[in-house]
């Protein structure tokens, strides 16, 4: 993983060890405990980004399993794996005194990821 700065932005470049292929993500990868997939949180005002993305290595590439919208225009968000099929998300308001957003993202038996909570 290489942090790649650009004018008013940055990304991370991931290198597939087997093939040397490069992939760009907009948040530091956080791997699930079983190393089968990782999440990234891209939360910025400029350029406007607000999503939690779940990726999984797939063959010689990288598959996006889900993209969950985050309230990054008003809050700063972070996420953590509680289990390989359960992610906790916490967002802190930029304005003091307001209540933040907390929710979970759960992988269903059909393989799809769904958001639960407020």
Protein backbone atom coordinates (compact mmCIF):
# COMPACT_ATOMS: atom_id res chain seq x y z
CA UNK A 1 0.00 0.00 0.00
CA UNK A 2 1.32 3.42 -0.97
CA UNK A 3 -0.22 6.72 0.14
CA UNK A 4 -0.46 8.85 -2.99
CA UNK A 5 -0.75 12.62 -2.48
CA UNK A 6 -2.27 14.82 -5.18
CA UNK A 7 -3.31 18.47 -5.35
CA UNK A 8 -5.89 18.89 -2.54
CA UNK A 9 -6.44 15.14 -2.30
CA UNK A 10 -4.78 11.83 -1.54
CA UNK A 11 -5.46 8.19 -2.19
CA UNK A 12 -3.90 4.83 -1.50
CA UNK A 13 -2.46 2.66 -4.24
CA UNK A 14 -2.69 -1.06 -3.60
CA UNK A 15 -0.41 -3.47 -5.43
CA UNK A 16 -1.54 -7.05 -6.07
CA UNK A 17 1.56 -9.04 -5.16
CA UNK A 18 0.88 -11.87 -7.59
CA UNK A 19 0.28 -9.74 -10.70
CA UNK A 20 1.68 -6.29 -9.94
CA UNK A 21 -1.69 -4.71 -10.88
CA UNK A 22 -2.42 -1.37 -9.18
CA UNK A 23 -5.72 -0.35 -7.56
CA UNK A 24 -6.65 3.06 -6.12
CA UNK A 25 -8.78 3.43 -2.97
CA UNK A 26 -9.70 6.62 -1.10
CA UNK A 27 -9.13 5.54 2.48
CA UNK A 28 -6.64 3.42 4.38
CA UNK A 29 -7.60 -0.26 4.03
CA UNK A 30 -8.83 -1.94 7.22
CA UNK A 31 -8.77 -5.73 6.85
CA UNK A 32 -11.32 -8.13 8.36
CA UNK A 33 -9.82 -10.60 10.84
CA UNK A 34 -9.95 -13.44 8.29
CA UNK A 35 -8.19 -11.26 5.64
CA UNK A 36 -10.89 -12.09 3.07
CA UNK A 37 -11.91 -8.45 2.50
CA UNK A 38 -11.20 -4.92 3.64
CA UNK A 39 -13.08 -1.69 4.10
CA UNK A 40 -12.16 1.89 3.35
CA UNK A 41 -13.77 5.08 4.63
CA UNK A 42 -13.58 8.02 2.24
CA UNK A 43 -14.85 11.02 4.16
CA UNK A 44 -13.82 14.43 2.87
CA UNK A 45 -15.39 17.78 2.05
CA UNK A 46 -12.99 18.66 -0.76
CA UNK A 47 -13.19 16.76 -3.02
CA UNK A 48 -16.63 15.71 -1.84
CA UNK A 49 -16.53 12.04 -0.79
CA UNK A 50 -18.68 10.18 1.68
CA UNK A 51 -18.70 6.42 1.56
CA UNK A 52 -17.69 3.22 3.25
CA UNK A 53 -16.60 0.71 0.60
CA UNK A 54 -16.07 -3.01 1.13
CA UNK A 55 -13.57 -4.64 -1.23
CA UNK A 56 -12.49 -8.26 -1.65
CA UNK A 57 -9.55 -9.67 -3.62
CA UNK A 58 -11.02 -11.62 -6.52
CA UNK A 59 -8.81 -13.62 -8.85
CA UNK A 60 -6.27 -11.15 -10.23
CA UNK A 61 -8.36 -8.13 -9.31
CA UNK A 62 -10.33 -6.38 -6.62
CA UNK A 63 -14.13 -6.64 -6.35
CA UNK A 64 -16.30 -4.01 -4.70
CA UNK A 65 -18.85 -5.85 -2.55
CA UNK A 66 -20.72 -2.79 -1.27
CA UNK A 67 -20.72 0.99 -1.04
CA UNK A 68 -22.56 2.61 1.89
CA UNK A 69 -23.21 6.36 1.93
CA UNK A 70 -21.83 8.30 4.92
CA UNK A 71 -22.94 11.75 6.22
CA UNK A 72 -19.49 13.29 5.62
CA UNK A 73 -20.84 16.73 4.71
CA UNK A 74 -21.69 17.28 8.39
CA UNK A 75 -19.80 14.53 10.26
CA UNK A 76 -16.43 12.82 10.37
CA UNK A 77 -16.80 9.02 10.18
CA UNK A 78 -14.79 5.93 11.08
CA UNK A 79 -15.49 2.20 10.85
CA UNK A 80 -14.19 -1.00 12.40
CA UNK A 81 -14.72 -4.72 11.90
CA UNK A 82 -16.46 -6.41 14.85
CA UNK A 83 -16.63 -9.71 12.94
CA UNK A 84 -15.88 -10.64 9.31
CA UNK A 85 -19.57 -10.01 8.53
CA UNK A 86 -20.25 -7.11 10.94
CA UNK A 87 -18.93 -3.51 10.72
CA UNK A 88 -19.58 -0.76 13.28
CA UNK A 89 -19.65 2.83 12.00
CA UNK A 90 -19.44 5.95 14.18
CA UNK A 91 -19.71 9.51 12.89
CA UNK A 92 -18.90 12.60 14.97
CA UNK A 93 -20.61 15.93 14.15
CA UNK A 94 -18.39 18.78 12.99
CA UNK A 95 -20.59 21.15 15.06
CA UNK A 96 -20.22 20.62 18.81
CA UNK A 97 -23.39 19.90 20.72
CA UNK A 98 -25.09 17.85 18.01
CA UNK A 99 -25.69 14.12 18.20
CA UNK A 100 -23.59 11.87 15.96
CA UNK A 101 -24.60 8.97 13.79
CA UNK A 102 -23.94 5.33 14.68
CA UNK A 103 -24.97 2.24 12.77
CA UNK A 104 -23.82 -1.22 11.73
CA UNK A 105 -23.34 -2.82 8.34
CA UNK A 106 -24.07 -6.55 8.27
CA UNK A 107 -23.43 -9.13 5.57
CA UNK A 108 -26.54 -11.23 5.00
CA UNK A 109 -26.72 -14.92 4.13
CA UNK A 110 -27.16 -13.90 0.47
CA UNK A 111 -23.77 -12.10 0.55
CA UNK A 112 -25.21 -8.58 0.34
CA UNK A 113 -24.26 -5.88 2.86
CA UNK A 114 -27.04 -3.90 4.57
CA UNK A 115 -27.05 -0.91 6.89
CA UNK A 116 -28.96 -1.09 10.19
CA UNK A 117 -29.46 1.65 12.76
CA UNK A 118 -29.96 5.38 12.66
